[in-house]
């Protein structure tokens, strides 16, 4: 029986490792810009903006980092270094707009970097440990 040709183009894992953090960061930055443009002026919009920021930092970034670690980095040989790459790209989205006035923002950059690293490194370590244990059993 002849093999069926694939209908879908598969993207190589090496491309995903480099591409996903950049695309995620660009999408988040564009959504922030859109929310700033379309929210009306006033105290209510400041509160809505704060809720959006809390949602992104508390839900969206951890969810993306877990997805990136489990789906992309477990297949990568040097996954540990790409956890730093992911956190650096996300942190750069915060650093670059404030590059001229970075003196007060070092602590915030370190907190954001650590937050992203935490949510990328822990799932990667768990998945890596799980795949190593399943390989030893075979």
Protein backbone atom coordinates (compact mmCIF):
# COMPACT_ATOMS: atom_id res chain seq x y z
CA UNK A 1 0.00 0.00 0.00
CA UNK A 2 1.58 3.33 -1.02
CA UNK A 3 2.08 5.99 1.60
CA UNK A 4 -0.37 8.87 1.60
CA UNK A 5 1.12 12.28 0.90
CA UNK A 6 0.82 14.77 3.73
CA UNK A 7 -1.85 17.38 3.22
CA UNK A 8 -0.36 19.86 5.65
CA UNK A 9 3.01 21.52 5.58
CA UNK A 10 4.86 20.84 8.79
CA UNK A 11 7.08 23.52 10.24
CA UNK A 12 10.42 22.33 11.52
CA UNK A 13 10.93 22.46 15.26
CA UNK A 14 14.04 24.63 14.90
CA UNK A 15 11.95 27.28 13.16
CA UNK A 16 9.28 27.09 15.88
CA UNK A 17 11.86 27.52 18.63
CA UNK A 18 13.02 30.84 17.23
CA UNK A 19 9.76 32.04 15.70
CA UNK A 20 7.14 31.49 18.44
CA UNK A 21 8.60 33.93 21.02
CA UNK A 22 8.91 36.69 18.43
CA UNK A 23 5.38 36.21 17.10
CA UNK A 24 3.92 36.06 20.61
CA UNK A 25 5.71 39.24 21.65
CA UNK A 26 4.65 41.13 18.53
CA UNK A 27 1.02 40.08 18.98
CA UNK A 28 0.97 41.10 22.65
CA UNK A 29 2.57 44.48 21.91
CA UNK A 30 0.12 45.15 19.08
CA UNK A 31 -2.82 44.24 21.33
CA UNK A 32 -1.52 46.63 24.00
CA UNK A 33 -1.20 49.41 21.44
CA UNK A 34 -4.71 48.72 20.15
CA UNK A 35 -6.13 48.74 23.65
CA UNK A 36 -4.45 52.07 24.38
CA UNK A 37 -5.76 53.61 21.16
CA UNK A 38 -9.34 52.38 21.44
CA UNK A 39 -9.94 52.92 25.16
CA UNK A 40 -11.53 56.31 25.90
CA UNK A 41 -9.77 58.75 28.19
CA UNK A 42 -10.67 58.76 31.87
CA UNK A 43 -10.25 56.88 35.11
CA UNK A 44 -12.40 53.98 33.93
CA UNK A 45 -10.10 53.27 31.01
CA UNK A 46 -7.10 53.29 33.33
CA UNK A 47 -8.78 50.59 35.40
CA UNK A 48 -9.63 48.58 32.28
CA UNK A 49 -6.02 48.93 31.12
CA UNK A 50 -4.82 47.74 34.52
CA UNK A 51 -7.13 44.71 34.33
CA UNK A 52 -5.81 43.94 30.84
CA UNK A 53 -2.23 44.17 32.10
CA UNK A 54 -2.96 41.89 35.06
CA UNK A 55 -4.69 39.39 32.75
CA UNK A 56 -1.76 39.36 30.34
CA UNK A 57 0.85 39.01 33.09
CA UNK A 58 -1.12 36.52 35.15
CA UNK A 59 -2.77 34.34 32.52
CA UNK A 60 -1.59 34.91 28.95
CA UNK A 61 2.18 34.91 29.51
CA UNK A 62 2.18 31.82 31.79
CA UNK A 63 -0.13 29.96 29.39
CA UNK A 64 2.08 30.77 26.42
CA UNK A 65 5.27 29.85 28.30
CA UNK A 66 3.82 26.50 29.37
CA UNK A 67 2.69 25.78 25.81
CA UNK A 68 6.10 26.78 24.42
CA UNK A 69 7.94 24.60 26.94
CA UNK A 70 5.74 21.52 26.50
CA UNK A 71 5.13 21.57 22.76
CA UNK A 72 8.29 23.08 21.35
CA UNK A 73 11.19 22.79 23.79
CA UNK A 74 10.75 19.14 24.73
CA UNK A 75 11.76 18.22 21.18
CA UNK A 76 14.79 20.52 21.27
CA UNK A 77 18.23 19.26 22.21
CA UNK A 78 19.32 22.55 23.83
CA UNK A 79 15.95 23.42 25.36
CA UNK A 80 17.48 24.97 28.48
CA UNK A 81 19.12 27.76 26.49
CA UNK A 82 15.88 28.43 24.65
CA UNK A 83 14.09 29.02 27.94
CA UNK A 84 16.40 32.02 28.33
CA UNK A 85 15.78 33.02 24.73
CA UNK A 86 12.02 33.01 25.28
CA UNK A 87 12.27 35.08 28.46
CA UNK A 88 14.70 37.53 26.85
CA UNK A 89 12.47 38.16 23.84
CA UNK A 90 9.43 38.80 26.04
CA UNK A 91 11.44 41.08 28.35
CA UNK A 92 12.79 43.03 25.37
CA UNK A 93 9.22 44.00 24.51
CA UNK A 94 9.18 45.87 27.81
CA UNK A 95 12.73 47.24 27.65
CA UNK A 96 12.86 48.62 24.11
CA UNK A 97 10.18 51.33 24.42
CA UNK A 98 11.88 52.66 27.57
CA UNK A 99 15.47 52.34 26.42
CA UNK A 100 16.35 55.98 27.08
CA UNK A 101 15.04 55.83 30.67
CA UNK A 102 16.06 52.34 31.76
CA UNK A 103 17.65 53.32 35.10
CA UNK A 104 14.46 52.87 37.12
CA UNK A 105 13.28 49.82 35.25
CA UNK A 106 16.01 47.28 36.01
CA UNK A 107 14.00 45.72 38.80
CA UNK A 108 10.87 45.44 36.63
CA UNK A 109 12.90 43.87 33.83
CA UNK A 110 14.36 41.30 36.20
CA UNK A 111 10.92 40.50 37.64
CA UNK A 112 9.42 40.05 34.16
CA UNK A 113 12.38 37.94 33.04
CA UNK A 114 12.12 35.77 36.16
CA UNK A 115 8.35 35.39 35.74
CA UNK A 116 8.72 34.22 32.14
CA UNK A 117 11.66 31.99 33.02
CA UNK A 118 9.72 30.37 35.86
CA UNK A 119 6.76 29.51 33.64
CA UNK A 120 9.00 28.20 30.86
CA UNK A 121 11.59 26.32 32.89
CA UNK A 122 9.37 24.37 35.28
CA UNK A 123 7.13 22.75 32.60
CA UNK A 124 10.20 22.07 30.44
CA UNK A 125 11.95 20.31 33.32
CA UNK A 126 8.84 18.24 34.12
CA UNK A 127 8.32 17.23 30.49
CA UNK A 128 12.02 16.53 30.01
CA UNK A 129 12.06 14.35 33.13
CA UNK A 130 8.92 12.54 31.95
CA UNK A 131 10.36 11.86 28.48
CA UNK A 132 13.67 10.68 29.97
CA UNK A 133 11.84 8.27 32.29
CA UNK A 134 9.70 6.90 29.45
CA UNK A 135 12.82 6.41 27.29
CA UNK A 136 14.54 4.46 30.08
CA UNK A 137 11.56 2.13 30.48
CA UNK A 138 11.70 1.10 26.82
